[in-house]
N, C-alpha and C. Protein backbone atom coordinates (compact mmCIF):
# COMPACT_ATOMS: atom_id res chain seq x y z
N MET A 1 82.13 95.40 149.88
CA MET A 1 81.81 96.80 149.79
C MET A 1 82.10 97.51 151.12
N PHE A 2 82.39 98.80 151.04
CA PHE A 2 82.71 99.58 152.23
C PHE A 2 81.46 99.83 153.08
N ALA A 3 81.64 99.81 154.39
CA ALA A 3 80.53 100.08 155.31
C ALA A 3 80.12 101.54 155.21
N ASN A 4 78.82 101.81 155.26
CA ASN A 4 78.32 103.18 155.27
C ASN A 4 78.46 103.78 156.66
N VAL A 5 78.92 105.02 156.70
CA VAL A 5 79.01 105.78 157.95
C VAL A 5 78.41 107.17 157.71
N ASN A 6 78.22 107.92 158.78
CA ASN A 6 77.52 109.20 158.64
C ASN A 6 78.44 110.38 158.37
N ILE A 7 79.54 110.17 157.67
CA ILE A 7 80.45 111.29 157.38
C ILE A 7 80.67 111.50 155.89
N GLY A 8 79.69 111.23 155.06
CA GLY A 8 79.85 111.63 153.67
C GLY A 8 79.46 110.66 152.59
N VAL A 9 78.66 109.65 152.87
CA VAL A 9 78.16 108.77 151.82
C VAL A 9 77.15 109.56 150.99
N MET A 10 77.24 109.45 149.66
CA MET A 10 76.25 110.09 148.79
C MET A 10 75.31 109.03 148.25
N ASN A 11 74.02 109.23 148.46
CA ASN A 11 72.99 108.36 147.90
C ASN A 11 72.40 109.08 146.69
N PHE A 12 72.37 108.40 145.56
CA PHE A 12 71.95 109.01 144.30
C PHE A 12 70.76 108.24 143.74
N ALA A 13 69.71 108.95 143.36
CA ALA A 13 68.52 108.32 142.78
C ALA A 13 68.08 109.07 141.53
N PHE A 14 67.71 108.33 140.51
CA PHE A 14 67.14 108.90 139.28
C PHE A 14 66.22 107.86 138.68
N PRO A 15 65.07 108.16 138.22
CA PRO A 15 64.39 109.46 138.21
C PRO A 15 63.59 109.70 139.48
N ASP A 16 63.59 110.93 139.93
CA ASP A 16 62.71 111.38 141.00
C ASP A 16 61.67 112.26 140.31
N VAL A 17 60.54 111.70 139.99
CA VAL A 17 59.54 112.39 139.17
C VAL A 17 58.74 113.36 140.04
N CYS A 18 58.94 114.65 139.76
CA CYS A 18 58.23 115.71 140.47
C CYS A 18 57.51 116.57 139.45
N SER A 19 56.45 117.22 139.88
CA SER A 19 55.70 118.10 138.98
C SER A 19 56.32 119.49 139.01
N ILE A 20 56.56 120.03 137.81
CA ILE A 20 57.11 121.37 137.66
C ILE A 20 55.94 122.35 137.59
N PRO A 21 55.96 123.43 138.38
CA PRO A 21 54.82 124.35 138.36
C PRO A 21 54.75 125.15 137.06
N THR A 22 53.75 124.86 136.30
CA THR A 22 53.41 125.59 135.07
C THR A 22 51.89 125.75 135.12
N PRO A 23 51.27 126.40 134.14
CA PRO A 23 49.80 126.46 134.19
C PRO A 23 49.15 125.08 134.34
N ALA A 24 49.71 124.07 133.70
CA ALA A 24 49.30 122.68 133.92
C ALA A 24 50.55 121.94 134.40
N PRO A 25 50.61 121.49 135.68
CA PRO A 25 51.84 120.86 136.19
C PRO A 25 52.33 119.71 135.31
N VAL A 26 53.63 119.71 135.02
CA VAL A 26 54.24 118.72 134.13
C VAL A 26 55.13 117.80 134.96
N PRO A 27 54.84 116.48 135.01
CA PRO A 27 55.75 115.55 135.69
C PRO A 27 57.10 115.49 134.97
N THR A 28 58.17 115.73 135.71
CA THR A 28 59.51 115.80 135.13
C THR A 28 60.47 114.97 135.95
N PRO A 29 61.30 114.13 135.29
CA PRO A 29 62.29 113.36 136.05
C PRO A 29 63.45 114.26 136.50
N LEU A 30 63.76 114.21 137.78
CA LEU A 30 64.85 114.99 138.35
C LEU A 30 65.80 114.05 139.09
N VAL A 31 66.97 114.55 139.41
CA VAL A 31 67.97 113.81 140.18
C VAL A 31 67.69 114.03 141.66
N ASN A 32 67.92 113.01 142.49
CA ASN A 32 67.76 113.16 143.94
C ASN A 32 69.04 112.69 144.61
N ILE A 33 69.62 113.53 145.44
CA ILE A 33 70.87 113.23 146.14
C ILE A 33 70.66 113.41 147.63
N ALA A 34 71.06 112.42 148.40
CA ALA A 34 71.00 112.52 149.86
C ALA A 34 72.40 112.24 150.41
N LEU A 35 72.85 113.06 151.33
CA LEU A 35 74.17 112.90 151.94
C LEU A 35 74.03 112.38 153.37
N SER A 36 74.95 111.52 153.77
CA SER A 36 74.84 110.90 155.09
C SER A 36 75.18 111.87 156.23
N PHE A 37 75.63 113.08 155.92
CA PHE A 37 75.84 114.08 156.97
C PHE A 37 74.52 114.38 157.69
N THR A 38 73.40 114.23 156.97
CA THR A 38 72.10 114.57 157.53
C THR A 38 71.38 113.37 158.15
N HIS A 39 72.04 112.22 158.21
CA HIS A 39 71.39 111.02 158.74
C HIS A 39 71.33 111.04 160.26
N ILE A 40 70.26 110.47 160.79
CA ILE A 40 70.08 110.33 162.23
C ILE A 40 70.54 108.92 162.60
N PRO A 41 71.64 108.78 163.34
CA PRO A 41 72.15 107.44 163.65
C PRO A 41 71.21 106.67 164.57
N SER A 42 71.18 105.36 164.39
CA SER A 42 70.33 104.52 165.24
C SER A 42 71.16 103.76 166.28
N GLN A 43 72.47 103.85 166.18
CA GLN A 43 73.34 103.23 167.18
C GLN A 43 74.56 104.12 167.37
N PHE A 44 75.14 104.09 168.56
CA PHE A 44 76.25 104.99 168.90
C PHE A 44 77.47 104.24 169.42
N LYS A 45 77.53 102.93 169.21
CA LYS A 45 78.64 102.13 169.75
C LYS A 45 79.67 101.72 168.72
N VAL A 46 79.32 101.68 167.44
CA VAL A 46 80.25 101.23 166.41
C VAL A 46 80.68 102.44 165.59
N ILE A 47 82.00 102.69 165.58
CA ILE A 47 82.57 103.79 164.82
C ILE A 47 83.53 103.20 163.80
N CYS A 48 83.33 103.54 162.53
CA CYS A 48 84.18 103.05 161.44
C CYS A 48 84.80 104.25 160.74
N GLY A 49 86.11 104.32 160.71
CA GLY A 49 86.78 105.40 160.00
C GLY A 49 86.40 106.78 160.48
N GLY A 50 86.06 106.93 161.74
CA GLY A 50 85.74 108.24 162.30
C GLY A 50 84.27 108.61 162.29
N GLY A 51 83.42 107.78 161.73
CA GLY A 51 81.99 108.09 161.71
C GLY A 51 81.16 106.96 162.29
N LEU A 52 79.96 107.29 162.71
CA LEU A 52 79.06 106.27 163.26
C LEU A 52 78.58 105.36 162.14
N ALA A 53 78.69 104.05 162.36
CA ALA A 53 78.26 103.08 161.36
C ALA A 53 76.74 103.13 161.20
N GLU A 54 76.27 102.91 159.96
CA GLU A 54 74.84 102.97 159.67
C GLU A 54 74.26 101.58 159.50
N ASN A 55 73.01 101.43 159.92
CA ASN A 55 72.30 100.17 159.72
C ASN A 55 70.92 100.47 159.13
N LEU A 56 70.08 99.44 159.04
CA LEU A 56 68.77 99.60 158.39
C LEU A 56 67.84 100.58 159.09
N LEU A 57 68.08 100.89 160.36
CA LEU A 57 67.22 101.83 161.08
C LEU A 57 67.68 103.27 160.96
N THR A 58 68.82 103.51 160.31
CA THR A 58 69.30 104.88 160.11
C THR A 58 68.38 105.60 159.14
N THR A 59 67.95 106.80 159.50
CA THR A 59 67.09 107.57 158.60
C THR A 59 67.75 108.90 158.28
N GLY A 60 67.52 109.36 157.08
CA GLY A 60 68.01 110.65 156.65
C GLY A 60 66.94 111.71 156.82
N THR A 61 67.33 112.94 157.02
CA THR A 61 66.35 114.00 157.26
C THR A 61 65.95 114.73 156.00
N ILE A 62 66.85 114.81 155.02
CA ILE A 62 66.56 115.63 153.85
C ILE A 62 67.35 115.11 152.66
N SER A 63 66.76 115.23 151.48
CA SER A 63 67.46 114.92 150.23
C SER A 63 67.34 116.14 149.32
N ASN A 64 68.26 116.26 148.38
CA ASN A 64 68.33 117.45 147.53
C ASN A 64 68.27 117.08 146.06
N GLY A 65 68.13 118.10 145.22
CA GLY A 65 68.20 117.91 143.78
C GLY A 65 66.86 118.03 143.09
N ASP A 66 65.77 117.91 143.83
CA ASP A 66 64.46 117.99 143.21
C ASP A 66 63.72 119.28 143.58
N GLN A 67 64.47 120.33 143.90
CA GLN A 67 63.85 121.59 144.29
C GLN A 67 63.08 122.24 143.15
N ALA A 68 63.41 121.91 141.91
CA ALA A 68 62.68 122.48 140.77
C ALA A 68 61.24 121.97 140.72
N GLY A 69 60.99 120.82 141.31
CA GLY A 69 59.65 120.24 141.29
C GLY A 69 58.78 120.80 142.40
N LEU A 70 58.54 122.09 142.39
CA LEU A 70 57.82 122.75 143.48
C LEU A 70 56.37 122.31 143.60
N ALA A 71 55.83 121.66 142.57
CA ALA A 71 54.46 121.15 142.66
C ALA A 71 54.46 119.76 143.29
N LEU A 72 55.56 119.37 143.93
CA LEU A 72 55.74 118.16 144.73
C LEU A 72 55.94 116.89 143.91
N GLY A 73 56.44 115.85 144.59
CA GLY A 73 56.71 114.57 143.96
C GLY A 73 55.42 113.85 143.59
N VAL A 74 55.45 113.11 142.49
CA VAL A 74 54.26 112.43 142.00
C VAL A 74 53.81 111.34 142.97
N VAL A 75 54.73 110.55 143.51
CA VAL A 75 54.37 109.44 144.40
C VAL A 75 54.29 109.90 145.85
N SER A 76 55.33 110.58 146.34
CA SER A 76 55.41 110.90 147.77
C SER A 76 54.69 112.17 148.16
N GLY A 77 54.47 113.07 147.22
CA GLY A 77 53.88 114.36 147.57
C GLY A 77 54.83 115.27 148.32
N LEU A 78 56.15 115.02 148.19
CA LEU A 78 57.17 115.81 148.89
C LEU A 78 58.26 116.24 147.92
N ILE A 79 58.94 117.33 148.26
CA ILE A 79 60.25 117.60 147.70
C ILE A 79 61.20 117.68 148.88
N MET A 80 62.45 117.33 148.65
CA MET A 80 63.46 117.35 149.70
C MET A 80 63.04 116.51 150.91
N GLY A 81 62.49 115.34 150.66
CA GLY A 81 62.01 114.47 151.73
C GLY A 81 63.11 113.61 152.31
N PRO A 82 62.78 112.79 153.32
CA PRO A 82 63.77 111.93 153.97
C PRO A 82 64.17 110.73 153.12
N ASP A 83 65.28 110.13 153.48
CA ASP A 83 65.73 108.90 152.82
C ASP A 83 66.00 107.84 153.89
N ARG A 84 66.00 106.58 153.46
CA ARG A 84 66.30 105.48 154.38
C ARG A 84 66.79 104.29 153.58
N PRO A 85 67.58 103.42 154.20
CA PRO A 85 68.10 102.25 153.49
C PRO A 85 67.00 101.21 153.25
N ALA A 86 67.13 100.50 152.13
CA ALA A 86 66.17 99.44 151.80
C ALA A 86 66.83 98.06 151.83
N THR A 87 68.13 97.99 151.53
CA THR A 87 68.85 96.71 151.57
C THR A 87 70.08 96.85 152.43
N SER A 88 70.66 95.71 152.81
CA SER A 88 71.80 95.74 153.73
C SER A 88 72.61 94.47 153.60
N SER A 89 73.62 94.36 154.43
CA SER A 89 74.39 93.13 154.55
C SER A 89 73.51 92.08 155.22
N VAL A 90 73.74 90.82 154.87
CA VAL A 90 72.97 89.75 155.51
C VAL A 90 73.77 89.05 156.61
N LYS A 91 75.04 89.43 156.76
CA LYS A 91 75.90 88.76 157.73
C LYS A 91 76.47 89.67 158.81
N VAL A 92 76.50 90.98 158.58
CA VAL A 92 77.10 91.92 159.53
C VAL A 92 75.98 92.74 160.16
N PHE A 93 75.99 92.82 161.50
CA PHE A 93 74.95 93.53 162.23
C PHE A 93 75.59 94.57 163.15
N TYR A 94 75.01 95.78 163.18
CA TYR A 94 75.40 96.82 164.12
C TYR A 94 74.22 97.05 165.05
N GLY A 95 74.40 96.77 166.33
CA GLY A 95 73.31 96.95 167.27
C GLY A 95 72.13 96.04 166.99
N ALA A 96 72.39 94.81 166.57
CA ALA A 96 71.37 93.78 166.27
C ALA A 96 70.55 94.10 165.02
N ILE A 97 70.98 95.08 164.23
CA ILE A 97 70.30 95.45 162.99
C ILE A 97 71.29 95.30 161.85
N PRO A 98 70.89 94.77 160.68
CA PRO A 98 71.82 94.60 159.56
C PRO A 98 72.49 95.91 159.13
N ALA A 99 73.79 95.83 158.85
CA ALA A 99 74.58 97.00 158.47
C ALA A 99 74.36 97.34 157.00
N THR A 100 74.43 98.63 156.67
CA THR A 100 74.35 99.05 155.27
C THR A 100 75.75 99.26 154.73
N ARG A 101 75.87 99.25 153.42
CA ARG A 101 77.18 99.32 152.77
C ARG A 101 77.06 100.05 151.44
N LEU A 102 78.20 100.29 150.83
CA LEU A 102 78.24 100.88 149.50
C LEU A 102 77.41 100.01 148.56
N THR A 103 76.66 100.60 147.69
CA THR A 103 75.72 99.97 146.73
C THR A 103 74.46 99.44 147.39
N SER A 104 74.22 99.73 148.66
CA SER A 104 72.92 99.39 149.26
C SER A 104 71.85 100.26 148.63
N MET A 105 70.68 99.67 148.36
CA MET A 105 69.57 100.45 147.82
C MET A 105 69.02 101.39 148.88
N GLN A 106 68.63 102.58 148.47
CA GLN A 106 68.07 103.59 149.36
C GLN A 106 66.74 104.06 148.78
N THR A 107 65.74 104.23 149.63
CA THR A 107 64.50 104.88 149.19
C THR A 107 64.63 106.35 149.56
N GLN A 108 64.30 107.22 148.62
CA GLN A 108 64.56 108.65 148.80
C GLN A 108 63.32 109.48 148.53
N ASN A 109 63.31 110.66 149.14
CA ASN A 109 62.26 111.66 148.98
C ASN A 109 60.93 111.18 149.54
N GLY A 110 60.95 110.69 150.76
CA GLY A 110 59.71 110.34 151.44
C GLY A 110 59.70 108.93 151.97
N MET A 111 58.89 108.70 153.00
CA MET A 111 58.75 107.34 153.51
C MET A 111 57.97 106.47 152.53
N LEU A 112 57.07 107.07 151.76
CA LEU A 112 56.52 106.44 150.57
C LEU A 112 57.40 106.98 149.46
N PRO A 113 58.44 106.23 149.04
CA PRO A 113 59.52 106.83 148.26
C PRO A 113 59.10 107.30 146.88
N ASN A 114 59.63 108.45 146.52
CA ASN A 114 59.43 108.98 145.18
C ASN A 114 60.53 108.48 144.25
N ALA A 115 61.63 107.99 144.80
CA ALA A 115 62.75 107.49 143.99
C ALA A 115 63.51 106.43 144.78
N VAL A 116 64.10 105.50 144.05
CA VAL A 116 64.94 104.47 144.66
C VAL A 116 66.33 104.61 144.08
N GLY A 117 67.34 104.69 144.95
CA GLY A 117 68.70 104.89 144.48
C GLY A 117 69.68 103.97 145.18
N LEU A 118 70.97 104.33 145.07
CA LEU A 118 72.05 103.54 145.64
C LEU A 118 73.00 104.43 146.42
N SER A 119 73.70 103.85 147.38
CA SER A 119 74.83 104.52 148.03
C SER A 119 76.00 104.42 147.06
N LEU A 120 76.49 105.56 146.58
CA LEU A 120 77.49 105.52 145.51
C LEU A 120 78.90 105.89 145.90
N THR A 121 79.08 106.70 146.92
CA THR A 121 80.43 107.11 147.28
C THR A 121 80.76 106.63 148.69
N PRO A 122 81.94 106.06 148.89
CA PRO A 122 82.31 105.62 150.24
C PRO A 122 82.72 106.81 151.10
N ALA A 123 82.45 106.73 152.39
CA ALA A 123 82.87 107.77 153.33
C ALA A 123 84.11 107.34 154.10
N GLN A 124 84.41 106.05 154.09
CA GLN A 124 85.60 105.54 154.76
C GLN A 124 86.11 104.35 153.95
N PHE A 125 87.41 104.08 154.06
CA PHE A 125 88.05 103.05 153.23
C PHE A 125 88.70 101.95 154.06
N LYS A 126 88.34 101.81 155.32
CA LYS A 126 88.98 100.82 156.19
C LYS A 126 88.14 99.57 156.41
N VAL A 127 86.83 99.71 156.56
CA VAL A 127 85.97 98.58 156.94
C VAL A 127 85.19 98.11 155.72
N LEU A 128 85.39 96.84 155.38
CA LEU A 128 84.65 96.21 154.27
C LEU A 128 83.63 95.24 154.83
N LEU A 129 82.44 95.25 154.24
CA LEU A 129 81.41 94.27 154.59
C LEU A 129 81.33 93.28 153.43
N ILE A 130 81.92 92.12 153.62
CA ILE A 130 81.97 91.11 152.55
C ILE A 130 80.82 90.13 152.80
N SER A 131 79.63 90.49 152.36
CA SER A 131 78.48 89.60 152.50
C SER A 131 77.38 90.00 151.55
């Protein structure tokens, strides 16, 4: 799988169950999308395909798609919360931390995640993590 970098990986999660504001809030499954443009890099020495390589310590600042759930997420109590990687390569390390790659699981919409998704789109096509 391709290595994740901070220039355009899309992390997609469904369902992100948020409450829709009505007279009685209704839990509704929504889509949650986080883009790596908003990620805070944890290392600055490895560059793959023009972007900083991501590892397990990389955190995202914001995720989108659940703005309709204004009564907040059922689990996290947030909308548009942060995302972070949950799985990684077991053989490749960036800055002594395991590297993330395409199809790595991501927890989204809060540090207590409201949704779990995957990295679905590659941001670079040169570096493969075969592990």
